[in-house]
PDB file of N, CA and C in Angstrom:
ATOM      1  N   UNK A   1      74.608 114.434  89.428  1.00  0.00           N
ATOM      2  CA  UNK A   1      75.361 114.707  90.629  1.00  0.00           C
ATOM      3  C   UNK A   1      74.377 114.410  91.869  1.00  0.00           C
ATOM      4  N   UNK A   2      74.862 113.935  92.898  1.00  0.00           N
ATOM      5  CA  UNK A   2      74.061 113.544  94.034  1.00  0.00           C
ATOM      6  C   UNK A   2      73.611 114.833  94.930  1.00  0.00           C
ATOM      7  N   UNK A   3      72.633 114.704  95.600  1.00  0.00           N
ATOM      8  CA  UNK A   3      72.318 116.003  96.544  1.00  0.00           C
ATOM      9  C   UNK A   3      73.237 116.303  97.485  1.00  0.00           C
ATOM     10  N   UNK A   4      73.811 115.302  98.077  1.00  0.00           N
ATOM     11  CA  UNK A   4      74.771 115.650  98.984  1.00  0.00           C
ATOM     12  C   UNK A   4      75.815 116.367  98.540  1.00  0.00           C
ATOM     13  N   UNK A   5      76.457 116.043  97.387  1.00  0.00           N
ATOM     14  CA  UNK A   5      77.480 116.846  96.745  1.00  0.00           C
ATOM     15  C   UNK A   5      76.981 117.943  96.497  1.00  0.00           C
ATOM     16  N   UNK A   6      75.824 118.260  95.761  1.00  0.00           N
ATOM     17  CA  UNK A   6      75.389 119.657  95.507  1.00  0.00           C
ATOM     18  C   UNK A   6      75.223 120.529  96.606  1.00  0.00           C
ATOM     19  N   UNK A   7      74.776 120.004  97.795  1.00  0.00           N
ATOM     20  CA  UNK A   7      74.637 120.782  99.092  1.00  0.00           C
ATOM     21  C   UNK A   7      76.068 121.261  99.457  1.00  0.00           C
ATOM     22  N   UNK A   8      77.012 120.311  99.577  1.00  0.00           N
ATOM     23  CA  UNK A   8      78.395 120.516  99.968  1.00  0.00           C
ATOM     24  C   UNK A   8      78.988 121.667  99.005  1.00  0.00           C
ATOM     25  N   UNK A   9      78.772 121.614  97.760  1.00  0.00           N
ATOM     26  CA  UNK A   9      79.309 122.361  96.780  1.00  0.00           C
ATOM     27  C   UNK A   9      78.694 123.880  97.002  1.00  0.00           C
ATOM     28  N   UNK A  10      77.374 123.897  97.294  1.00  0.00           N
ATOM     29  CA  UNK A  10      76.780 125.088  97.624  1.00  0.00           C
ATOM     30  C   UNK A  10      77.508 125.951  98.952  1.00  0.00           C
ATOM     31  N   UNK A  11      77.760 125.053  99.715  1.00  0.00           N
ATOM     32  CA  UNK A  11      78.479 125.779 100.992  1.00  0.00           C
ATOM     33  C   UNK A  11      79.895 126.200 100.501  1.00  0.00           C
ATOM     34  N   UNK A  12      80.545 125.422  99.680  1.00  0.00           N
ATOM     35  CA  UNK A  12      81.751 125.844  99.378  1.00  0.00           C
ATOM     36  C   UNK A  12      81.763 127.075  98.503  1.00  0.00           C
ATOM     37  N   UNK A  13      80.754 127.280  97.592  1.00  0.00           N
ATOM     38  CA  UNK A  13      80.548 128.331  96.727  1.00  0.00           C
ATOM     39  C   UNK A  13      80.086 129.581  97.677  1.00  0.00           C
ATOM     40  N   UNK A  14      79.508 129.310  98.862  1.00  0.00           N
ATOM     41  CA  UNK A  14      79.132 130.396  99.768  1.00  0.00           C
ATOM     42  C   UNK A  14      80.366 130.941 100.697  1.00  0.00           C
ATOM     43  N   UNK A  15      81.610 130.301 100.446  1.00  0.00           N
ATOM     44  CA  UNK A  15      82.681 130.739 101.119  1.00  0.00           C
ATOM     45  C   UNK A  15      82.995 129.945 102.497  1.00  0.00           C
ATOM     46  N   UNK A  16      82.349 128.891 102.582  1.00  0.00           N
ATOM     47  CA  UNK A  16      82.506 128.198 103.840  1.00  0.00           C
ATOM     48  C   UNK A  16      83.694 127.150 103.625  1.00  0.00           C
ATOM     49  N   UNK A  17      84.739 127.350 103.020  1.00  0.00           N
ATOM     50  CA  UNK A  17      85.807 126.419 102.778  1.00  0.00           C
ATOM     51  C   UNK A  17      86.563 126.228 104.063  1.00  0.00           C
ATOM     52  N   UNK A  18      86.620 124.722 104.215  1.00  0.00           N
ATOM     53  CA  UNK A  18      87.429 124.452 105.520  1.00  0.00           C
ATOM     54  C   UNK A  18      87.774 123.012 105.324  1.00  0.00           C
ATOM     55  N   UNK A  19      88.619 122.328 106.381  1.00  0.00           N
ATOM     56  CA  UNK A  19      89.055 121.173 106.303  1.00  0.00           C
ATOM     57  C   UNK A  19      87.736 119.996 106.194  1.00  0.00           C
ATOM     58  N   UNK A  20      86.899 120.055 107.087  1.00  0.00           N
ATOM     59  CA  UNK A  20      85.738 119.167 107.102  1.00  0.00           C
ATOM     60  C   UNK A  20      84.933 119.297 105.849  1.00  0.00           C
ATOM     61  N   UNK A  21      84.637 120.473 105.306  1.00  0.00           N
ATOM     62  CA  UNK A  21      83.855 120.403 104.142  1.00  0.00           C
ATOM     63  C   UNK A  21      84.611 119.916 102.958  1.00  0.00           C
ATOM     64  N   UNK A  22      85.870 119.987 102.913  1.00  0.00           N
ATOM     65  CA  UNK A  22      86.779 119.385 101.720  1.00  0.00           C
ATOM     66  C   UNK A  22      86.924 117.892 102.033  1.00  0.00           C
ATOM     67  N   UNK A  23      86.893 117.515 103.272  1.00  0.00           N
ATOM     68  CA  UNK A  23      86.907 116.068 103.571  1.00  0.00           C
ATOM     69  C   UNK A  23      85.597 115.405 103.123  1.00  0.00           C
ATOM     70  N   UNK A  24      84.537 116.094 103.537  1.00  0.00           N
ATOM     71  CA  UNK A  24      83.138 115.608 103.231  1.00  0.00           C
ATOM     72  C   UNK A  24      82.892 115.387 101.727  1.00  0.00           C
ATOM     73  N   UNK A  25      83.371 116.470 100.963  1.00  0.00           N
ATOM     74  CA  UNK A  25      83.419 116.313  99.545  1.00  0.00           C
ATOM     75  C   UNK A  25      84.169 115.159  98.864  1.00  0.00           C
ATOM     76  N   UNK A  26      85.405 115.062  99.527  1.00  0.00           N
ATOM     77  CA  UNK A  26      86.376 114.017  99.036  1.00  0.00           C
ATOM     78  C   UNK A  26      85.610 112.564  99.381  1.00  0.00           C
ATOM     79  N   UNK A  27      85.002 112.618 100.359  1.00  0.00           N
ATOM     80  CA  UNK A  27      84.381 111.277 100.896  1.00  0.00           C
ATOM     81  C   UNK A  27      83.216 110.878  99.884  1.00  0.00           C
ATOM     82  N   UNK A  28      82.450 111.924  99.688  1.00  0.00           N
ATOM     83  CA  UNK A  28      81.392 111.692  98.639  1.00  0.00           C
ATOM     84  C   UNK A  28      81.684 111.295  97.320  1.00  0.00           C
ATOM     85  N   UNK A  29      82.819 112.036  96.817  1.00  0.00           N
ATOM     86  CA  UNK A  29      83.397 111.613  95.564  1.00  0.00           C
ATOM     87  C   UNK A  29      83.948 110.174  95.459  1.00  0.00           C
ATOM     88  N   UNK A  30      84.573 109.804  96.654  1.00  0.00           N
ATOM     89  CA  UNK A  30      85.054 108.511  96.777  1.00  0.00           C
ATOM     90  C   UNK A  30      84.024 107.451  96.773  1.00  0.00           C
ATOM     91  N   UNK A  31      82.870 107.652  97.360  1.00  0.00           N
ATOM     92  CA  UNK A  31      81.795 106.856  97.368  1.00  0.00           C
ATOM     93  C   UNK A  31      81.230 106.613  95.966  1.00  0.00           C
ATOM     94  N   UNK A  32      81.397 107.462  95.067  1.00  0.00           N
ATOM     95  CA  UNK A  32      80.961 107.404  93.692  1.00  0.00           C
ATOM     96  C   UNK A  32      82.203 106.917  92.677  1.00  0.00           C
ATOM     97  N   UNK A  33      83.265 106.668  93.334  1.00  0.00           N
ATOM     98  CA  UNK A  33      84.460 106.152  92.632  1.00  0.00           C
ATOM     99  C   UNK A  33      84.910 107.229  91.552  1.00  0.00           C
ATOM    100  N   UNK A  34      84.818 108.533  91.958  1.00  0.00           N
ATOM    101  CA  UNK A  34      85.367 109.603  91.285  1.00  0.00           C
ATOM    102  C   UNK A  34      86.581 110.136  92.032  1.00  0.00           C
ATOM    103  N   UNK A  35      87.545 109.144  92.077  1.00  0.00           N
ATOM    104  CA  UNK A  35      88.875 109.433  92.895  1.00  0.00           C
ATOM    105  C   UNK A  35      89.548 110.638  92.430  1.00  0.00           C
ATOM    106  N   UNK A  36      89.728 111.237  91.139  1.00  0.00           N
ATOM    107  CA  UNK A  36      90.421 112.274  90.858  1.00  0.00           C
ATOM    108  C   UNK A  36      89.853 113.456  91.465  1.00  0.00           C
ATOM    109  N   UNK A  37      88.456 113.558  91.613  1.00  0.00           N
ATOM    110  CA  UNK A  37      87.847 114.697  92.058  1.00  0.00           C
ATOM    111  C   UNK A  37      87.954 114.751  93.618  1.00  0.00           C
ATOM    112  N   UNK A  38      87.806 113.398  94.153  1.00  0.00           N
ATOM    113  CA  UNK A  38      88.162 113.190  95.567  1.00  0.00           C
ATOM    114  C   UNK A  38      89.402 113.617  96.010  1.00  0.00           C
ATOM    115  N   UNK A  39      90.481 113.109  95.351  1.00  0.00           N
ATOM    116  CA  UNK A  39      91.759 113.531  95.778  1.00  0.00           C
ATOM    117  C   UNK A  39      92.050 115.098  95.764  1.00  0.00           C
ATOM    118  N   UNK A  40      91.428 115.742  94.931  1.00  0.00           N
ATOM    119  CA  UNK A  40      91.640 117.149  94.888  1.00  0.00           C
ATOM    120  C   UNK A  40      91.113 117.924  96.191  1.00  0.00           C
ATOM    121  N   UNK A  41      89.826 117.433  96.666  1.00  0.00           N
ATOM    122  CA  UNK A  41      89.293 117.825  97.769  1.00  0.00           C
ATOM    123  C   UNK A  41      89.974 117.532  99.038  1.00  0.00           C
ATOM    124  N   UNK A  42      90.543 116.284  98.884  1.00  0.00           N
ATOM    125  CA  UNK A  42      91.167 115.849 100.125  1.00  0.00           C
ATOM    126  C   UNK A  42      92.405 116.471 100.339  1.00  0.00           C
ATOM    127  N   UNK A  43      93.201 116.719  99.228  1.00  0.00           N
ATOM    128  CA  UNK A  43      94.414 117.456  99.350  1.00  0.00           C
ATOM    129  C   UNK A  43      94.395 118.885  99.863  1.00  0.00           C
ATOM    130  N   UNK A  44      93.149 119.662  99.471  1.00  0.00           N
ATOM    131  CA  UNK A  44      92.693 120.807 100.090  1.00  0.00           C
ATOM    132  C   UNK A  44      92.405 120.521 101.634  1.00  0.00           C
ATOM    133  N   UNK A  45      91.792 119.521 101.898  1.00  0.00           N
ATOM    134  CA  UNK A  45      91.600 119.263 103.511  1.00  0.00           C
ATOM    135  C   UNK A  45      92.722 119.148 104.323  1.00  0.00           C
ATOM    136  N   UNK A  46      93.796 118.561 103.780  1.00  0.00           N
ATOM    137  CA  UNK A  46      95.009 118.327 104.540  1.00  0.00           C
ATOM    138  C   UNK A  46      95.887 119.556 104.462  1.00  0.00           C
ATOM    139  N   UNK A  47      95.596 120.300 103.374  1.00  0.00           N
ATOM    140  CA  UNK A  47      96.310 121.757 103.343  1.00  0.00           C
ATOM    141  C   UNK A  47      95.763 122.789 104.558  1.00  0.00           C
ATOM    142  N   UNK A  48      94.452 122.649 104.630  1.00  0.00           N
ATOM    143  CA  UNK A  48      93.693 123.269 105.661  1.00  0.00           C
ATOM    144  C   UNK A  48      94.177 122.905 107.100  1.00  0.00           C
ATOM    145  N   UNK A  49      94.173 121.510 107.189  1.00  0.00           N
ATOM    146  CA  UNK A  49      94.605 120.869 108.594  1.00  0.00           C
ATOM    147  C   UNK A  49      95.401 119.733 108.317  1.00  0.00           C
ATOM    148  N   UNK A  50      96.728 119.947 108.289  1.00  0.00           N
ATOM    149  CA  UNK A  50      97.583 118.930 108.118  1.00  0.00           C
ATOM    150  C   UNK A  50      97.782 117.881 109.239  1.00  0.00           C
ATOM    151  N   UNK A  51      97.003 117.989 110.259  1.00  0.00           N
ATOM    152  CA  UNK A  51      96.940 117.119 111.332  1.00  0.00           C
ATOM    153  C   UNK A  51      95.624 116.187 111.153  1.00  0.00           C
ATOM    154  N   UNK A  52      94.873 116.164 110.083  1.00  0.00           N
ATOM    155  CA  UNK A  52      93.575 115.445 109.865  1.00  0.00           C
ATOM    156  C   UNK A  52      93.825 114.130 109.312  1.00  0.00           C
ATOM    157  N   UNK A  53      94.110 113.197 110.150  1.00  0.00           N
ATOM    158  CA  UNK A  53      94.619 111.822 109.972  1.00  0.00           C
ATOM    159  C   UNK A  53      93.565 111.223 108.984  1.00  0.00           C
ATOM    160  N   UNK A  54      92.250 111.452 109.082  1.00  0.00           N
ATOM    161  CA  UNK A  54      91.356 110.606 108.363  1.00  0.00           C
ATOM    162  C   UNK A  54      91.285 111.000 107.003  1.00  0.00           C
ATOM    163  N   UNK A  55      91.639 112.329 106.745  1.00  0.00           N
ATOM    164  CA  UNK A  55      91.674 113.019 105.409  1.00  0.00           C
ATOM    165  C   UNK A  55      93.097 112.412 104.660  1.00  0.00           C
ATOM    166  N   UNK A  56      94.062 112.270 105.441  1.00  0.00           N
ATOM    167  CA  UNK A  56      95.476 111.699 104.837  1.00  0.00           C
ATOM    168  C   UNK A  56      94.963 110.223 104.445  1.00  0.00           C
ATOM    169  N   UNK A  57      94.299 109.524 105.240  1.00  0.00           N
ATOM    170  CA  UNK A  57      93.944 108.086 104.841  1.00  0.00           C
ATOM    171  C   UNK A  57      93.270 108.057 103.614  1.00  0.00           C
ATOM    172  N   UNK A  58      92.137 108.893 103.615  1.00  0.00           N
ATOM    173  CA  UNK A  58      91.313 108.827 102.344  1.00  0.00           C
ATOM    174  C   UNK A  58      91.999 109.439 101.131  1.00  0.00           C
ATOM    175  N   UNK A  59      92.911 110.456 101.375  1.00  0.00           N
ATOM    176  CA  UNK A  59      93.659 111.005 100.160  1.00  0.00           C
ATOM    177  C   UNK A  59      94.565 109.783  99.669  1.00  0.00           C
ATOM    178  N   UNK A  60      95.201 108.946 100.559  1.00  0.00           N
ATOM    179  CA  UNK A  60      96.057 107.877 100.128  1.00  0.00           C
ATOM    180  C   UNK A  60      95.178 106.927  99.206  1.00  0.00           C
ATOM    181  N   UNK A  61      94.092 106.633  99.806  1.00  0.00           N
ATOM    182  CA  UNK A  61      93.227 105.760  98.994  1.00  0.00           C
ATOM    183  C   UNK A  61      92.786 106.270  97.636  1.00  0.00           C
ATOM    184  N   UNK A  62      92.460 107.501  97.654  1.00  0.00           N
ATOM    185  CA  UNK A  62      92.068 108.158  96.300  1.00  0.00           C
ATOM    186  C   UNK A  62      93.194 108.225  95.298  1.00  0.00           C
ATOM    187  N   UNK A  63      94.392 108.593  95.777  1.00  0.00           N
ATOM    188  CA  UNK A  63      95.585 108.578  94.970  1.00  0.00           C
ATOM    189  C   UNK A  63      95.848 107.254  94.393  1.00  0.00           C
ATOM    190  N   UNK A  64      95.842 106.145  95.358  1.00  0.00           N
ATOM    191  CA  UNK A  64      96.066 104.945  95.009  1.00  0.00           C
ATOM    192  C   UNK A  64      95.042 104.285  93.758  1.00  0.00           C
ATOM    193  N   UNK A  65      93.865 104.727  94.146  1.00  0.00           N
ATOM    194  CA  UNK A  65      92.898 104.242  93.038  1.00  0.00           C
ATOM    195  C   UNK A  65      93.063 105.011  91.683  1.00  0.00           C
ATOM    196  N   UNK A  66      93.718 106.122  91.584  1.00  0.00           N
ATOM    197  CA  UNK A  66      93.959 106.900  90.306  1.00  0.00           C
ATOM    198  C   UNK A  66      95.263 106.283  89.791  1.00  0.00           C
ATOM    199  N   UNK A  67      96.058 105.453  90.465  1.00  0.00           N
ATOM    200  CA  UNK A  67      97.401 104.931  89.963  1.00  0.00           C
ATOM    201  C   UNK A  67      98.467 105.801  90.273  1.00  0.00           C
ATOM    202  N   UNK A  68      98.518 106.729  91.088  1.00  0.00           N
ATOM    203  CA  UNK A  68      99.398 107.602  91.606  1.00  0.00           C
ATOM    204  C   UNK A  68     100.103 107.076  92.936  1.00  0.00           C
ATOM    205  N   UNK A  69     100.699 105.919  92.628  1.00  0.00           N
ATOM    206  CA  UNK A  69     101.169 105.296  93.779  1.00  0.00           C
ATOM    207  C   UNK A  69     102.286 105.814  94.612  1.00  0.00           C
ATOM    208  N   UNK A  70     103.192 106.707  93.974  1.00  0.00           N
ATOM    209  CA  UNK A  70     104.151 107.470  94.758  1.00  0.00           C
ATOM    210  C   UNK A  70     103.506 108.537  95.839  1.00  0.00           C
ATOM    211  N   UNK A  71     102.500 109.207  95.059  1.00  0.00           N
ATOM    212  CA  UNK A  71     101.847 110.190  95.788  1.00  0.00           C
ATOM    213  C   UNK A  71     101.039 109.610  96.885  1.00  0.00           C
ATOM    214  N   UNK A  72     100.283 108.409  96.716  1.00  0.00           N
ATOM    215  CA  UNK A  72      99.581 107.708  97.544  1.00  0.00           C
ATOM    216  C   UNK A  72     100.324 107.302  98.912  1.00  0.00           C
ATOM    217  N   UNK A  73     101.584 106.658  98.347  1.00  0.00           N
ATOM    218  CA  UNK A  73     102.585 106.243  99.620  1.00  0.00           C
ATOM    219  C   UNK A  73     102.973 107.576 100.415  1.00  0.00           C
ATOM    220  N   UNK A  74     103.184 108.603  99.817  1.00  0.00           N
ATOM    221  CA  UNK A  74     103.480 109.887 100.495  1.00  0.00           C
ATOM    222  C   UNK A  74     102.394 110.228 101.486  1.00  0.00           C
ATOM    223  N   UNK A  75     101.235 110.162 100.890  1.00  0.00           N
ATOM    224  CA  UNK A  75     100.009 110.605 101.602  1.00  0.00           C
ATOM    225  C   UNK A  75      99.941 109.675 102.973  1.00  0.00           C
ATOM    226  N   UNK A  76     100.022 108.366 102.791  1.00  0.00           N
ATOM    227  CA  UNK A  76      99.785 107.477 103.791  1.00  0.00           C
ATOM    228  C   UNK A  76     100.951 107.752 104.835  1.00  0.00           C
ATOM    229  N   UNK A  77     102.196 107.919 104.320  1.00  0.00           N
ATOM    230  CA  UNK A  77     103.470 108.150 105.284  1.00  0.00           C
ATOM    231  C   UNK A  77     103.016 109.439 106.235  1.00  0.00           C
ATOM    232  N   UNK A  78     102.518 110.436 105.541  1.00  0.00           N
ATOM    233  CA  UNK A  78     102.251 111.600 106.199  1.00  0.00           C
ATOM    234  C   UNK A  78     101.131 111.356 107.277  1.00  0.00           C
ATOM    235  N   UNK A  79     100.157 110.692 106.911  1.00  0.00           N
ATOM    236  CA  UNK A  79      99.013 110.289 107.821  1.00  0.00           C
ATOM    237  C   UNK A  79      99.470 109.570 108.918  1.00  0.00           C
ATOM    238  N   UNK A  80     100.381 108.554 108.783  1.00  0.00           N
ATOM    239  CA  UNK A  80     100.842 107.593 109.736  1.00  0.00           C
ATOM    240  C   UNK A  80     101.642 108.617 110.933  1.00  0.00           C
ATOM    241  N   UNK A  81     102.309 109.516 110.211  1.00  0.00           N
ATOM    242  CA  UNK A  81     103.150 110.467 111.314  1.00  0.00           C
ATOM    243  C   UNK A  81     102.034 111.152 112.106  1.00  0.00           C
ATOM    244  N   UNK A  82     101.177 111.766 111.444  1.00  0.00           N
ATOM    245  CA  UNK A  82     100.116 112.508 112.031  1.00  0.00           C
ATOM    246  C   UNK A  82      99.263 111.614 113.130  1.00  0.00           C
ATOM    247  N   UNK A  83      98.948 110.402 112.582  1.00  0.00           N
ATOM    248  CA  UNK A  83      98.083 109.680 113.547  1.00  0.00           C
ATOM    249  C   UNK A  83      98.965 109.277 114.882  1.00  0.00           C
ATOM    250  N   UNK A  84     100.191 108.740 114.496  1.00  0.00           N
ATOM    251  CA  UNK A  84     101.085 108.504 115.628  1.00  0.00           C
ATOM    252  C   UNK A  84     101.220 109.690 116.783  1.00  0.00           C
ATOM    253  N   UNK A  85     101.478 110.765 116.147  1.00  0.00           N
ATOM    254  CA  UNK A  85     101.670 112.065 116.814  1.00  0.00           C
ATOM    255  C   UNK A  85     100.388 112.255 117.791  1.00  0.00           C
ATOM    256  N   UNK A  86      99.262 111.937 117.244  1.00  0.00           N
ATOM    257  CA  UNK A  86      98.181 112.242 117.896  1.00  0.00           C
ATOM    258  C   UNK A  86      97.375 111.096 118.596  1.00  0.00           C
ATOM    259  N   UNK A  87      98.171 109.935 118.740  1.00  0.00           N
ATOM    260  CA  UNK A  87      97.888 108.754 119.464  1.00  0.00           C
ATOM    261  C   UNK A  87      96.660 107.966 118.837  1.00  0.00           C
ATOM    262  N   UNK A  88      96.562 108.195 117.565  1.00  0.00           N
ATOM    263  CA  UNK A  88      95.591 107.373 116.885  1.00  0.00           C
ATOM    264  C   UNK A  88      95.923 106.138 116.343  1.00  0.00           C
ATOM    265  N   UNK A  89      96.272 105.135 117.220  1.00  0.00           N
ATOM    266  CA  UNK A  89      96.938 103.997 116.697  1.00  0.00           C
ATOM    267  C   UNK A  89      96.360 103.213 115.760  1.00  0.00           C
ATOM    268  N   UNK A  90      95.014 103.021 115.797  1.00  0.00           N
ATOM    269  CA  UNK A  90      94.293 102.228 114.848  1.00  0.00           C
ATOM    270  C   UNK A  90      94.480 102.856 113.391  1.00  0.00           C
ATOM    271  N   UNK A  91      94.284 104.214 113.233  1.00  0.00           N
ATOM    272  CA  UNK A  91      94.503 104.810 111.992  1.00  0.00           C
ATOM    273  C   UNK A  91      95.996 104.634 111.352  1.00  0.00           C
ATOM    274  N   UNK A  92      96.934 104.705 112.302  1.00  0.00           N
ATOM    275  CA  UNK A  92      98.331 104.508 111.882  1.00  0.00           C
ATOM    276  C   UNK A  92      98.568 102.984 111.374  1.00  0.00           C
ATOM    277  N   UNK A  93      97.874 102.082 112.191  1.00  0.00           N
ATOM    278  CA  UNK A  93      98.015 100.703 111.608  1.00  0.00           C
ATOM    279  C   UNK A  93      97.403 100.542 110.285  1.00  0.00           C
ATOM    280  N   UNK A  94      96.355 101.062 110.164  1.00  0.00           N
ATOM    281  CA  UNK A  94      95.503 100.760 108.823  1.00  0.00           C
ATOM    282  C   UNK A  94      96.475 101.486 107.656  1.00  0.00           C
ATOM    283  N   UNK A  95      96.817 102.624 107.942  1.00  0.00           N
ATOM    284  CA  UNK A  95      97.690 103.277 106.823  1.00  0.00           C
ATOM    285  C   UNK A  95      98.993 102.503 106.553  1.00  0.00           C
ATOM    286  N   UNK A  96      99.577 102.057 107.664  1.00  0.00           N
ATOM    287  CA  UNK A  96     100.709 101.255 107.544  1.00  0.00           C
ATOM    288  C   UNK A  96     100.668 100.015 106.565  1.00  0.00           C
ATOM    289  N   UNK A  97      99.385  99.443 106.769  1.00  0.00           N
ATOM    290  CA  UNK A  97      99.150  98.097 106.008  1.00  0.00           C
ATOM    291  C   UNK A  97      99.055  98.690 104.502  1.00  0.00           C
ATOM    292  N   UNK A  98      98.377  99.713 104.368  1.00  0.00           N
ATOM    293  CA  UNK A  98      98.129 100.264 102.880  1.00  0.00           C
ATOM    294  C   UNK A  98      99.481 100.629 102.432  1.00  0.00           C
ATOM    295  N   UNK A  99     100.252 101.281 103.010  1.00  0.00           N
ATOM    296  CA  UNK A  99     101.608 101.852 102.546  1.00  0.00           C
ATOM    297  C   UNK A  99     102.483 100.465 102.106  1.00  0.00           C
ATOM    298  N   UNK A 100     102.473  99.529 103.138  1.00  0.00           N
ATOM    299  CA  UNK A 100     103.396  98.428 102.814  1.00  0.00           C
ATOM    300  C   UNK A 100     102.895  97.705 101.547  1.00  0.00           C
ATOM    301  N   UNK A 101     101.629  97.709 101.164  1.00  0.00           N
ATOM    302  CA  UNK A 101     101.131  97.114  99.799  1.00  0.00           C
ATOM    303  C   UNK A 101     101.646  97.974  98.704  1.00  0.00           C
ATOM    304  N   UNK A 102     101.550  99.175  98.756  1.00  0.00           N
ATOM    305  CA  UNK A 102     102.092  99.924  97.830  1.00  0.00           C
ATOM    306  C   UNK A 102     103.549  99.832  97.631  1.00  0.00           C
ATOM    307  N   UNK A 103     104.394  99.815  98.783  1.00  0.00           N
ATOM    308  CA  UNK A 103     105.773  99.734  98.730  1.00  0.00           C
ATOM    309  C   UNK A 103     106.228  98.344  97.920  1.00  0.00           C
ATOM    310  N   UNK A 104     105.281  97.371  98.196  1.00  0.00           N
ATOM    311  CA  UNK A 104     105.534  96.067  97.518  1.00  0.00           C
ATOM    312  C   UNK A 104     105.323  96.253  96.001  1.00  0.00           C
ATOM    313  N   UNK A 105     104.319  96.916  95.576  1.00  0.00           N
ATOM    314  CA  UNK A 105     104.051  97.107  94.214  1.00  0.00           C
ATOM    315  C   UNK A 105     105.221  98.046  93.474  1.00  0.00           C
ATOM    316  N   UNK A 106     105.731  99.029  94.407  1.00  0.00           N
ATOM    317  CA  UNK A 106     106.692  99.854  93.751  1.00  0.00           C
ATOM    318  C   UNK A 106     108.043  99.058  93.867  1.00  0.00           C
ATOM    319  N   UNK A 107     108.264  97.996  94.541  1.00  0.00           N
ATOM    320  CA  UNK A 107     109.410  97.351  94.550  1.00  0.00           C
ATOM    321  C   UNK A 107     110.424  97.856  95.771  1.00  0.00           C
ATOM    322  N   UNK A 108     109.662  98.731  96.396  1.00  0.00           N
ATOM    323  CA  UNK A 108     110.498  99.369  97.584  1.00  0.00           C
ATOM    324  C   UNK A 108     110.585  98.450  98.708  1.00  0.00           C
ATOM    325  N   UNK A 109     109.709  97.575  98.842  1.00  0.00           N
ATOM    326  CA  UNK A 109     109.857  96.639 100.050  1.00  0.00           C
ATOM    327  C   UNK A 109     110.568  95.453  99.945  1.00  0.00           C
ATOM    328  N   UNK A 110     111.249  95.390  98.658  1.00  0.00           N
ATOM    329  CA  UNK A 110     112.185  94.224  98.375  1.00  0.00           C
ATOM    330  C   UNK A 110     113.403  94.308  99.141  1.00  0.00           C
ATOM    331  N   UNK A 111     113.918  93.214  99.712  1.00  0.00           N
ATOM    332  CA  UNK A 111     115.192  93.184 100.377  1.00  0.00           C
ATOM    333  C   UNK A 111     116.395  93.461  99.489  1.00  0.00           C
TER     334      UNK A 111
END
């Protein structure tokens, strides 16, 4: 395990559990392509802060990478709503692109 994850997990064990810490853990596990672990931490991040659009975006990616397409689509849709509400147009656009790709894979985008 890398040093960054070890340090973050020490903080978690010390009771400093919050959205930023969980996002950071999810991001680090994503970098290592350990998407199941990333998704678990990112789900906690959005539980702590449902308005954390970056966490929704990374959660969608992690879920997509684990083949959980419906859950990934739901995460992106939640993230888009949050980003639009907060005026984060770029994040909303990016998540919309990812959501459309999943919709096509699921056949939901077909006329």
